[in-house]
Amino acid sequence: MLFKFAWTHTPEARDETVKKFMATGGMPPEGVEFISRYHNVDGTGGFVIIESTSAAALADYALDWNGLIKIEITPIMDDDTISSVLPKHFS
């Protein structure tokens, strides 16, 4: 399943967050596949598109960062997937 892993940080946590990202690359743990990452141009956060079937792996990824940033993990789907659902509701 696809997920959007979005984050924001306070100005006070920015420097420590950037240092950790530069040191680790911010890559997810085993069990989570990295798809793509995007950063807000104002430097306040961003999001990663990831894929996983493991809630434990998602929790592992979040726990690596949750002392520094606010995290929201949202299940998402692509156009093909939502297109298979829409006809049931809008025909």
PDB file of N, CA and C in Angstrom:
ATOM      1  N   MET A   1       0.843  -1.171   0.000  1.00  0.00           N
ATOM      2  CA  MET A   1       0.000   0.000   0.000  1.00  0.00           C
ATOM      3  C   MET A   1       0.889   1.235   0.000  1.00  0.00           C
ATOM      4  N   LEU A   2       0.432   2.284  -0.703  1.00  0.00           N
ATOM      5  CA  LEU A   2       1.160   3.542  -0.756  1.00  0.00           C
ATOM      6  C   LEU A   2       0.776   4.441   0.410  1.00  0.00           C
ATOM      7  N   PHE A   3       1.751   5.227   0.873  1.00  0.00           N
ATOM      8  CA  PHE A   3       1.525   6.176   1.959  1.00  0.00           C
ATOM      9  C   PHE A   3       2.237   7.482   1.651  1.00  0.00           C
ATOM     10  N   LYS A   4       1.633   8.572   2.116  1.00  0.00           N
ATOM     11  CA  LYS A   4       2.310   9.865   2.136  1.00  0.00           C
ATOM     12  C   LYS A   4       2.777  10.074   3.569  1.00  0.00           C
ATOM     13  N   PHE A   5       4.070  10.198   3.759  1.00  0.00           N
ATOM     14  CA  PHE A   5       4.691  10.440   5.055  1.00  0.00           C
ATOM     15  C   PHE A   5       5.092  11.911   5.046  1.00  0.00           C
ATOM     16  N   ALA A   6       4.242  12.761   5.629  1.00  0.00           N
ATOM     17  CA  ALA A   6       4.484  14.207   5.607  1.00  0.00           C
ATOM     18  C   ALA A   6       5.079  14.657   6.933  1.00  0.00           C
ATOM     19  N   TRP A   7       5.928  15.670   6.857  1.00  0.00           N
ATOM     20  CA  TRP A   7       6.534  16.188   8.075  1.00  0.00           C
ATOM     21  C   TRP A   7       6.612  17.705   8.041  1.00  0.00           C
ATOM     22  N   THR A   8       6.573  18.277   9.229  1.00  0.00           N
ATOM     23  CA  THR A   8       6.864  19.692   9.444  1.00  0.00           C
ATOM     24  C   THR A   8       7.720  19.775  10.698  1.00  0.00           C
ATOM     25  N   HIS A   9       8.472  20.835  10.792  1.00  0.00           N
ATOM     26  CA  HIS A   9       9.265  21.043  12.002  1.00  0.00           C
ATOM     27  C   HIS A   9       9.216  22.511  12.383  1.00  0.00           C
ATOM     28  N   THR A  10       9.490  22.764  13.632  1.00  0.00           N
ATOM     29  CA  THR A  10       9.515  24.136  14.114  1.00  0.00           C
ATOM     30  C   THR A  10      10.840  24.778  13.711  1.00  0.00           C
ATOM     31  N   PRO A  11      10.889  26.102  13.682  1.00  0.00           N
ATOM     32  CA  PRO A  11      12.172  26.755  13.395  1.00  0.00           C
ATOM     33  C   PRO A  11      13.268  26.329  14.375  1.00  0.00           C
ATOM     34  N   GLU A  12      12.881  26.055  15.614  1.00  0.00           N
ATOM     35  CA  GLU A  12      13.861  25.651  16.626  1.00  0.00           C
ATOM     36  C   GLU A  12      14.471  24.285  16.326  1.00  0.00           C
ATOM     37  N   ALA A  13      13.708  23.396  15.687  1.00  0.00           N
ATOM     38  CA  ALA A  13      14.200  22.041  15.391  1.00  0.00           C
ATOM     39  C   ALA A  13      14.841  21.934  14.012  1.00  0.00           C
ATOM     40  N   ARG A  14      14.780  23.008  13.226  1.00  0.00           N
ATOM     41  CA  ARG A  14      15.257  22.949  11.843  1.00  0.00           C
ATOM     42  C   ARG A  14      16.698  22.478  11.723  1.00  0.00           C
ATOM     43  N   ASP A  15      17.620  23.102  12.431  1.00  0.00           N
ATOM     44  CA  ASP A  15      19.040  22.777  12.269  1.00  0.00           C
ATOM     45  C   ASP A  15      19.331  21.323  12.628  1.00  0.00           C
ATOM     46  N   GLU A  16      18.781  20.843  13.727  1.00  0.00           N
ATOM     47  CA  GLU A  16      19.010  19.450  14.133  1.00  0.00           C
ATOM     48  C   GLU A  16      18.389  18.476  13.133  1.00  0.00           C
ATOM     49  N   THR A  17      17.203  18.827  12.614  1.00  0.00           N
ATOM     50  CA  THR A  17      16.546  17.975  11.622  1.00  0.00           C
ATOM     51  C   THR A  17      17.365  17.897  10.341  1.00  0.00           C
ATOM     52  N   VAL A  18      17.852  19.042   9.862  1.00  0.00           N
ATOM     53  CA  VAL A  18      18.655  19.070   8.631  1.00  0.00           C
ATOM     54  C   VAL A  18      19.952  18.287   8.824  1.00  0.00           C
ATOM     55  N   LYS A  19      20.601  18.445   9.961  1.00  0.00           N
ATOM     56  CA  LYS A  19      21.839  17.699  10.232  1.00  0.00           C
ATOM     57  C   LYS A  19      21.598  16.194  10.218  1.00  0.00           C
ATOM     58  N   LYS A  20      20.494  15.755  10.839  1.00  0.00           N
ATOM     59  CA  LYS A  20      20.184  14.321  10.846  1.00  0.00           C
ATOM     60  C   LYS A  20      19.887  13.835   9.433  1.00  0.00           C
ATOM     61  N   PHE A  21      19.144  14.630   8.661  1.00  0.00           N
ATOM     62  CA  PHE A  21      18.847  14.244   7.283  1.00  0.00           C
ATOM     63  C   PHE A  21      20.130  14.126   6.468  1.00  0.00           C
ATOM     64  N   MET A  22      21.029  15.082   6.611  1.00  0.00           N
ATOM     65  CA  MET A  22      22.278  15.053   5.858  1.00  0.00           C
ATOM     66  C   MET A  22      23.142  13.858   6.257  1.00  0.00           C
ATOM     67  N   ALA A  23      23.103  13.482   7.519  1.00  0.00           N
ATOM     68  CA  ALA A  23      23.909  12.358   8.003  1.00  0.00           C
ATOM     69  C   ALA A  23      23.339  11.006   7.595  1.00  0.00           C
ATOM     70  N   THR A  24      22.006  10.905   7.517  1.00  0.00           N
ATOM     71  CA  THR A  24      21.371   9.602   7.272  1.00  0.00           C
ATOM     72  C   THR A  24      20.757   9.468   5.890  1.00  0.00           C
ATOM     73  N   GLY A  25      20.517  10.570   5.215  1.00  0.00           N
ATOM     74  CA  GLY A  25      19.802  10.542   3.946  1.00  0.00           C
ATOM     75  C   GLY A  25      18.305  10.404   4.128  1.00  0.00           C
ATOM     76  N   GLY A  26      17.851  10.240   5.369  1.00  0.00           N
ATOM     77  CA  GLY A  26      16.420  10.136   5.646  1.00  0.00           C
ATOM     78  C   GLY A  26      15.743   8.936   5.021  1.00  0.00           C
ATOM     79  N   MET A  27      16.511   7.912   4.727  1.00  0.00           N
ATOM     80  CA  MET A  27      15.942   6.744   4.063  1.00  0.00           C
ATOM     81  C   MET A  27      15.153   5.886   5.049  1.00  0.00           C
ATOM     82  N   PRO A  28      14.089   5.250   4.567  1.00  0.00           N
ATOM     83  CA  PRO A  28      13.260   4.417   5.442  1.00  0.00           C
ATOM     84  C   PRO A  28      13.952   3.095   5.776  1.00  0.00           C
ATOM     85  N   PRO A  29      13.461   2.430   6.824  1.00  0.00           N
ATOM     86  CA  PRO A  29      14.029   1.141   7.219  1.00  0.00           C
ATOM     87  C   PRO A  29      13.586   0.014   6.292  1.00  0.00           C
ATOM     88  N   GLU A  30      14.153  -1.153   6.503  1.00  0.00           N
ATOM     89  CA  GLU A  30      13.724  -2.345   5.771  1.00  0.00           C
ATOM     90  C   GLU A  30      12.233  -2.544   5.990  1.00  0.00           C
ATOM     91  N   GLY A  31      11.540  -2.917   4.935  1.00  0.00           N
ATOM     92  CA  GLY A  31      10.094  -3.109   5.011  1.00  0.00           C
ATOM     93  C   GLY A  31       9.308  -1.916   4.503  1.00  0.00           C
ATOM     94  N   VAL A  32      10.028  -0.817   4.181  1.00  0.00           N
ATOM     95  CA  VAL A  32       9.404   0.371   3.610  1.00  0.00           C
ATOM     96  C   VAL A  32      10.179   0.725   2.351  1.00  0.00           C
ATOM     97  N   GLU A  33       9.468   0.773   1.212  1.00  0.00           N
ATOM     98  CA  GLU A  33      10.116   1.113  -0.051  1.00  0.00           C
ATOM     99  C   GLU A  33       9.975   2.605  -0.327  1.00  0.00           C
ATOM    100  N   PHE A  34      11.083   3.269  -0.552  1.00  0.00           N
ATOM    101  CA  PHE A  34      11.121   4.687  -0.894  1.00  0.00           C
ATOM    102  C   PHE A  34      10.705   4.863  -2.351  1.00  0.00           C
ATOM    103  N   ILE A  35       9.718   5.728  -2.619  1.00  0.00           N
ATOM    104  CA  ILE A  35       9.276   6.017  -3.983  1.00  0.00           C
ATOM    105  C   ILE A  35       9.827   7.375  -4.428  1.00  0.00           C
ATOM    106  N   SER A  36       9.523   8.434  -3.681  1.00  0.00           N
ATOM    107  CA  SER A  36      10.012   9.773  -4.012  1.00  0.00           C
ATOM    108  C   SER A  36       9.869  10.692  -2.794  1.00  0.00           C
ATOM    109  N   ARG A  37      10.629  11.799  -2.824  1.00  0.00           N
ATOM    110  CA  ARG A  37      10.581  12.748  -1.700  1.00  0.00           C
ATOM    111  C   ARG A  37      10.515  14.165  -2.256  1.00  0.00           C
ATOM    112  N   TYR A  38       9.755  15.019  -1.568  1.00  0.00           N
ATOM    113  CA  TYR A  38       9.574  16.411  -1.965  1.00  0.00           C
ATOM    114  C   TYR A  38       9.717  17.302  -0.737  1.00  0.00           C
ATOM    115  N   HIS A  39      10.336  18.465  -0.928  1.00  0.00           N
ATOM    116  CA  HIS A  39      10.592  19.399   0.172  1.00  0.00           C
ATOM    117  C   HIS A  39       9.866  20.714  -0.087  1.00  0.00           C
ATOM    118  N   ASN A  40       9.270  21.278   0.955  1.00  0.00           N
ATOM    119  CA  ASN A  40       8.642  22.592   0.838  1.00  0.00           C
ATOM    120  C   ASN A  40       9.738  23.613   0.531  1.00  0.00           C
ATOM    121  N   VAL A  41       9.480  24.529  -0.396  1.00  0.00           N
ATOM    122  CA  VAL A  41      10.497  25.506  -0.758  1.00  0.00           C
ATOM    123  C   VAL A  41      10.813  26.473   0.385  1.00  0.00           C
ATOM    124  N   ASP A  42       9.908  26.599   1.351  1.00  0.00           N
ATOM    125  CA  ASP A  42      10.180  27.482   2.482  1.00  0.00           C
ATOM    126  C   ASP A  42      10.962  26.790   3.593  1.00  0.00           C
ATOM    127  N   GLY A  43      11.304  25.518   3.399  1.00  0.00           N
ATOM    128  CA  GLY A  43      12.132  24.799   4.365  1.00  0.00           C
ATOM    129  C   GLY A  43      11.419  24.318   5.608  1.00  0.00           C
ATOM    130  N   THR A  44      10.093  24.360   5.622  1.00  0.00           N
ATOM    131  CA  THR A  44       9.352  23.992   6.827  1.00  0.00           C
ATOM    132  C   THR A  44       8.976  22.524   6.900  1.00  0.00           C
ATOM    133  N   GLY A  45       9.245  21.749   5.856  1.00  0.00           N
ATOM    134  CA  GLY A  45       8.876  20.341   5.871  1.00  0.00           C
ATOM    135  C   GLY A  45       8.827  19.776   4.471  1.00  0.00           C
ATOM    136  N   GLY A  46       8.006  18.760   4.296  1.00  0.00           N
ATOM    137  CA  GLY A  46       7.862  18.110   3.009  1.00  0.00           C
ATOM    138  C   GLY A  46       7.144  16.788   3.167  1.00  0.00           C
ATOM    139  N   PHE A  47       7.323  15.912   2.179  1.00  0.00           N
ATOM    140  CA  PHE A  47       6.705  14.592   2.279  1.00  0.00           C
ATOM    141  C   PHE A  47       7.460  13.583   1.430  1.00  0.00           C
ATOM    142  N   VAL A  48       7.287  12.319   1.810  1.00  0.00           N
ATOM    143  CA  VAL A  48       7.861  11.189   1.098  1.00  0.00           C
ATOM    144  C   VAL A  48       6.705  10.293   0.668  1.00  0.00           C
ATOM    145  N   ILE A  49       6.788   9.766  -0.534  1.00  0.00           N
ATOM    146  CA  ILE A  49       5.854   8.730  -0.967  1.00  0.00           C
ATOM    147  C   ILE A  49       6.578   7.407  -0.750  1.00  0.00           C
ATOM    148  N   ILE A  50       5.942   6.525   0.026  1.00  0.00           N
ATOM    149  CA  ILE A  50       6.537   5.243   0.373  1.00  0.00           C
ATOM    150  C   ILE A  50       5.521   4.139   0.143  1.00  0.00           C
ATOM    151  N   GLU A  51       6.017   2.912   0.115  1.00  0.00           N
ATOM    152  CA  GLU A  51       5.137   1.750  -0.024  1.00  0.00           C
ATOM    153  C   GLU A  51       5.533   0.736   1.033  1.00  0.00           C
ATOM    154  N   SER A  52       4.510   0.151   1.679  1.00  0.00           N
ATOM    155  CA  SER A  52       4.780  -0.854   2.703  1.00  0.00           C
ATOM    156  C   SER A  52       3.522  -1.658   2.993  1.00  0.00           C
ATOM    157  N   THR A  53       3.733  -2.865   3.462  1.00  0.00           N
ATOM    158  CA  THR A  53       2.631  -3.688   3.966  1.00  0.00           C
ATOM    159  C   THR A  53       2.790  -3.908   5.464  1.00  0.00           C
ATOM    160  N   SER A  54       3.765  -3.232   6.063  1.00  0.00           N
ATOM    161  CA  SER A  54       4.091  -3.463   7.469  1.00  0.00           C
ATOM    162  C   SER A  54       3.855  -2.219   8.313  1.00  0.00           C
ATOM    163  N   ALA A  55       2.877  -2.296   9.202  1.00  0.00           N
ATOM    164  CA  ALA A  55       2.647  -1.193  10.136  1.00  0.00           C
ATOM    165  C   ALA A  55       3.849  -1.012  11.057  1.00  0.00           C
ATOM    166  N   ALA A  56       4.506  -2.093  11.426  1.00  0.00           N
ATOM    167  CA  ALA A  56       5.684  -2.010  12.292  1.00  0.00           C
ATOM    168  C   ALA A  56       6.816  -1.247  11.605  1.00  0.00           C
ATOM    169  N   ALA A  57       7.019  -1.480  10.315  1.00  0.00           N
ATOM    170  CA  ALA A  57       8.067  -0.770   9.581  1.00  0.00           C
ATOM    171  C   ALA A  57       7.737   0.723   9.478  1.00  0.00           C
ATOM    172  N   LEU A  58       6.456   1.053   9.280  1.00  0.00           N
ATOM    173  CA  LEU A  58       6.057   2.461   9.251  1.00  0.00           C
ATOM    174  C   LEU A  58       6.301   3.120  10.603  1.00  0.00           C
ATOM    175  N   ALA A  59       5.969   2.412  11.678  1.00  0.00           N
ATOM    176  CA  ALA A  59       6.210   2.936  13.022  1.00  0.00           C
ATOM    177  C   ALA A  59       7.701   3.121  13.262  1.00  0.00           C
ATOM    178  N   ASP A  60       8.517   2.187  12.790  1.00  0.00           N
ATOM    179  CA  ASP A  60       9.969   2.285  12.932  1.00  0.00           C
ATOM    180  C   ASP A  60      10.475   3.556  12.258  1.00  0.00           C
ATOM    181  N   TYR A  61       9.994   3.829  11.057  1.00  0.00           N
ATOM    182  CA  TYR A  61      10.395   5.027  10.323  1.00  0.00           C
ATOM    183  C   TYR A  61       9.985   6.284  11.090  1.00  0.00           C
ATOM    184  N   ALA A  62       8.746   6.322  11.560  1.00  0.00           N
ATOM    185  CA  ALA A  62       8.258   7.484  12.300  1.00  0.00           C
ATOM    186  C   ALA A  62       9.031   7.692  13.596  1.00  0.00           C
ATOM    187  N   LEU A  63       9.312   6.619  14.305  1.00  0.00           N
ATOM    188  CA  LEU A  63      10.020   6.738  15.587  1.00  0.00           C
ATOM    189  C   LEU A  63      11.456   7.224  15.413  1.00  0.00           C
ATOM    190  N   ASP A  64      12.031   7.010  14.232  1.00  0.00           N
ATOM    191  CA  ASP A  64      13.371   7.544  13.964  1.00  0.00           C
ATOM    192  C   ASP A  64      13.390   9.069  13.985  1.00  0.00           C
ATOM    193  N   TRP A  65      12.233   9.694  13.727  1.00  0.00           N
ATOM    194  CA  TRP A  65      12.176  11.136  13.536  1.00  0.00           C
ATOM    195  C   TRP A  65      11.242  11.877  14.486  1.00  0.00           C
ATOM    196  N   ASN A  66      10.369  11.184  15.202  1.00  0.00           N
ATOM    197  CA  ASN A  66       9.279  11.898  15.876  1.00  0.00           C
ATOM    198  C   ASN A  66       9.696  12.780  17.043  1.00  0.00           C
ATOM    199  N   GLY A  67      10.929  12.743  17.474  1.00  0.00           N
ATOM    200  CA  GLY A  67      11.389  13.690  18.477  1.00  0.00           C
ATOM    201  C   GLY A  67      11.737  15.043  17.880  1.00  0.00           C
ATOM    202  N   LEU A  68      11.860  15.096  16.551  1.00  0.00           N
ATOM    203  CA  LEU A  68      12.267  16.329  15.870  1.00  0.00           C
ATOM    204  C   LEU A  68      11.162  16.965  15.044  1.00  0.00           C
ATOM    205  N   ILE A  69      10.291  16.159  14.482  1.00  0.00           N
ATOM    206  CA  ILE A  69       9.319  16.661  13.518  1.00  0.00           C
ATOM    207  C   ILE A  69       7.918  16.153  13.830  1.00  0.00           C
ATOM    208  N   LYS A  70       6.927  16.889  13.346  1.00  0.00           N
ATOM    209  CA  LYS A  70       5.542  16.424  13.408  1.00  0.00           C
ATOM    210  C   LYS A  70       5.316  15.567  12.172  1.00  0.00           C
ATOM    211  N   ILE A  71       4.776  14.370  12.353  1.00  0.00           N
ATOM    212  CA  ILE A  71       4.615  13.408  11.274  1.00  0.00           C
ATOM    213  C   ILE A  71       3.140  13.082  11.074  1.00  0.00           C
ATOM    214  N   GLU A  72       2.731  13.014   9.815  1.00  0.00           N
ATOM    215  CA  GLU A  72       1.401  12.530   9.451  1.00  0.00           C
ATOM    216  C   GLU A  72       1.580  11.485   8.366  1.00  0.00           C
ATOM    217  N   ILE A  73       1.075  10.277   8.606  1.00  0.00           N
ATOM    218  CA  ILE A  73       1.160   9.192   7.628  1.00  0.00           C
ATOM    219  C   ILE A  73      -0.248   8.933   7.110  1.00  0.00           C
ATOM    220  N   THR A  74      -0.423   9.094   5.796  1.00  0.00           N
ATOM    221  CA  THR A  74      -1.734   8.987   5.170  1.00  0.00           C
ATOM    222  C   THR A  74      -1.704   7.932   4.066  1.00  0.00           C
ATOM    223  N   PRO A  75      -2.613   6.934   4.124  1.00  0.00           N
ATOM    224  CA  PRO A  75      -2.706   5.997   2.994  1.00  0.00           C
ATOM    225  C   PRO A  75      -3.170   6.763   1.754  1.00  0.00           C
ATOM    226  N   ILE A  76      -2.571   6.462   0.625  1.00  0.00           N
ATOM    227  CA  ILE A  76      -2.931   7.122  -0.629  1.00  0.00           C
ATOM    228  C   ILE A  76      -3.084   6.077  -1.731  1.00  0.00           C
ATOM    229  N   MET A  77      -3.658   6.493  -2.872  1.00  0.00           N
ATOM    230  CA  MET A  77      -3.771   5.583  -4.014  1.00  0.00           C
ATOM    231  C   MET A  77      -3.554   6.359  -5.296  1.00  0.00           C
ATOM    232  N   ASP A  78      -3.146   5.649  -6.331  1.00  0.00           N
ATOM    233  CA  ASP A  78      -2.908   6.268  -7.631  1.00  0.00           C
ATOM    234  C   ASP A  78      -4.208   6.321  -8.440  1.00  0.00           C
ATOM    235  N   ASP A  79      -4.137   6.958  -9.612  1.00  0.00           N
ATOM    236  CA  ASP A  79      -5.322   7.108 -10.461  1.00  0.00           C
ATOM    237  C   ASP A  79      -5.938   5.773 -10.853  1.00  0.00           C
ATOM    238  N   ASP A  80      -5.122   4.799 -11.198  1.00  0.00           N
ATOM    239  CA  ASP A  80      -5.653   3.496 -11.601  1.00  0.00           C
ATOM    240  C   ASP A  80      -6.466   2.855 -10.484  1.00  0.00           C
ATOM    241  N   THR A  81      -5.974   2.963  -9.265  1.00  0.00           N
ATOM    242  CA  THR A  81      -6.672   2.345  -8.131  1.00  0.00           C
ATOM    243  C   THR A  81      -7.988   3.052  -7.845  1.00  0.00           C
ATOM    244  N   ILE A  82      -7.961   4.373  -7.769  1.00  0.00           N
ATOM    245  CA  ILE A  82      -9.208   5.092  -7.485  1.00  0.00           C
ATOM    246  C   ILE A  82     -10.198   4.934  -8.642  1.00  0.00           C
ATOM    247  N   SER A  83      -9.701   4.813  -9.867  1.00  0.00           N
ATOM    248  CA  SER A  83     -10.584   4.617 -11.024  1.00  0.00           C
ATOM    249  C   SER A  83     -11.357   3.309 -10.949  1.00  0.00           C
ATOM    250  N   SER A  84     -10.801   2.315 -10.271  1.00  0.00           N
ATOM    251  CA  SER A  84     -11.522   1.040 -10.127  1.00  0.00           C
ATOM    252  C   SER A  84     -12.611   1.128  -9.053  1.00  0.00           C
ATOM    253  N   VAL A  85     -12.532   2.127  -8.176  1.00  0.00           N
ATOM    254  CA  VAL A  85     -13.502   2.283  -7.093  1.00  0.00           C
ATOM    255  C   VAL A  85     -14.630   3.240  -7.483  1.00  0.00           C
ATOM    256  N   LEU A  86     -14.325   4.274  -8.226  1.00  0.00           N
ATOM    257  CA  LEU A  86     -15.302   5.323  -8.532  1.00  0.00           C
ATOM    258  C   LEU A  86     -16.564   4.833  -9.209  1.00  0.00           C
ATOM    259  N   PRO A  87     -16.527   3.931 -10.171  1.00  0.00           N
ATOM    260  CA  PRO A  87     -17.763   3.498 -10.826  1.00  0.00           C
ATOM    261  C   PRO A  87     -18.815   2.932  -9.875  1.00  0.00           C
ATOM    262  N   LYS A  88     -18.395   2.356  -8.762  1.00  0.00           N
ATOM    263  CA  LYS A  88     -19.332   1.809  -7.782  1.00  0.00           C
ATOM    264  C   LYS A  88     -20.175   2.921  -7.137  1.00  0.00           C
ATOM    265  N   HIS A  89     -19.635   4.132  -7.117  1.00  0.00           N
ATOM    266  CA  HIS A  89     -20.282   5.225  -6.401  1.00  0.00           C
ATOM    267  C   HIS A  89     -20.827   6.306  -7.317  1.00  0.00           C
ATOM    268  N   PHE A  90     -20.331   6.365  -8.544  1.00  0.00           N
ATOM    269  CA  PHE A  90     -20.714   7.447  -9.454  1.00  0.00           C
ATOM    270  C   PHE A  90     -21.031   6.906 -10.845  1.00  0.00           C
ATOM    271  N   SER A  91     -22.074   6.120 -10.937  1.00  0.00           N
ATOM    272  CA  SER A  91     -22.434   5.591 -12.257  1.00  0.00           C
ATOM    273  C   SER A  91     -23.764   6.142 -12.723  1.00  0.00           C
TER     274      SER A  91
END
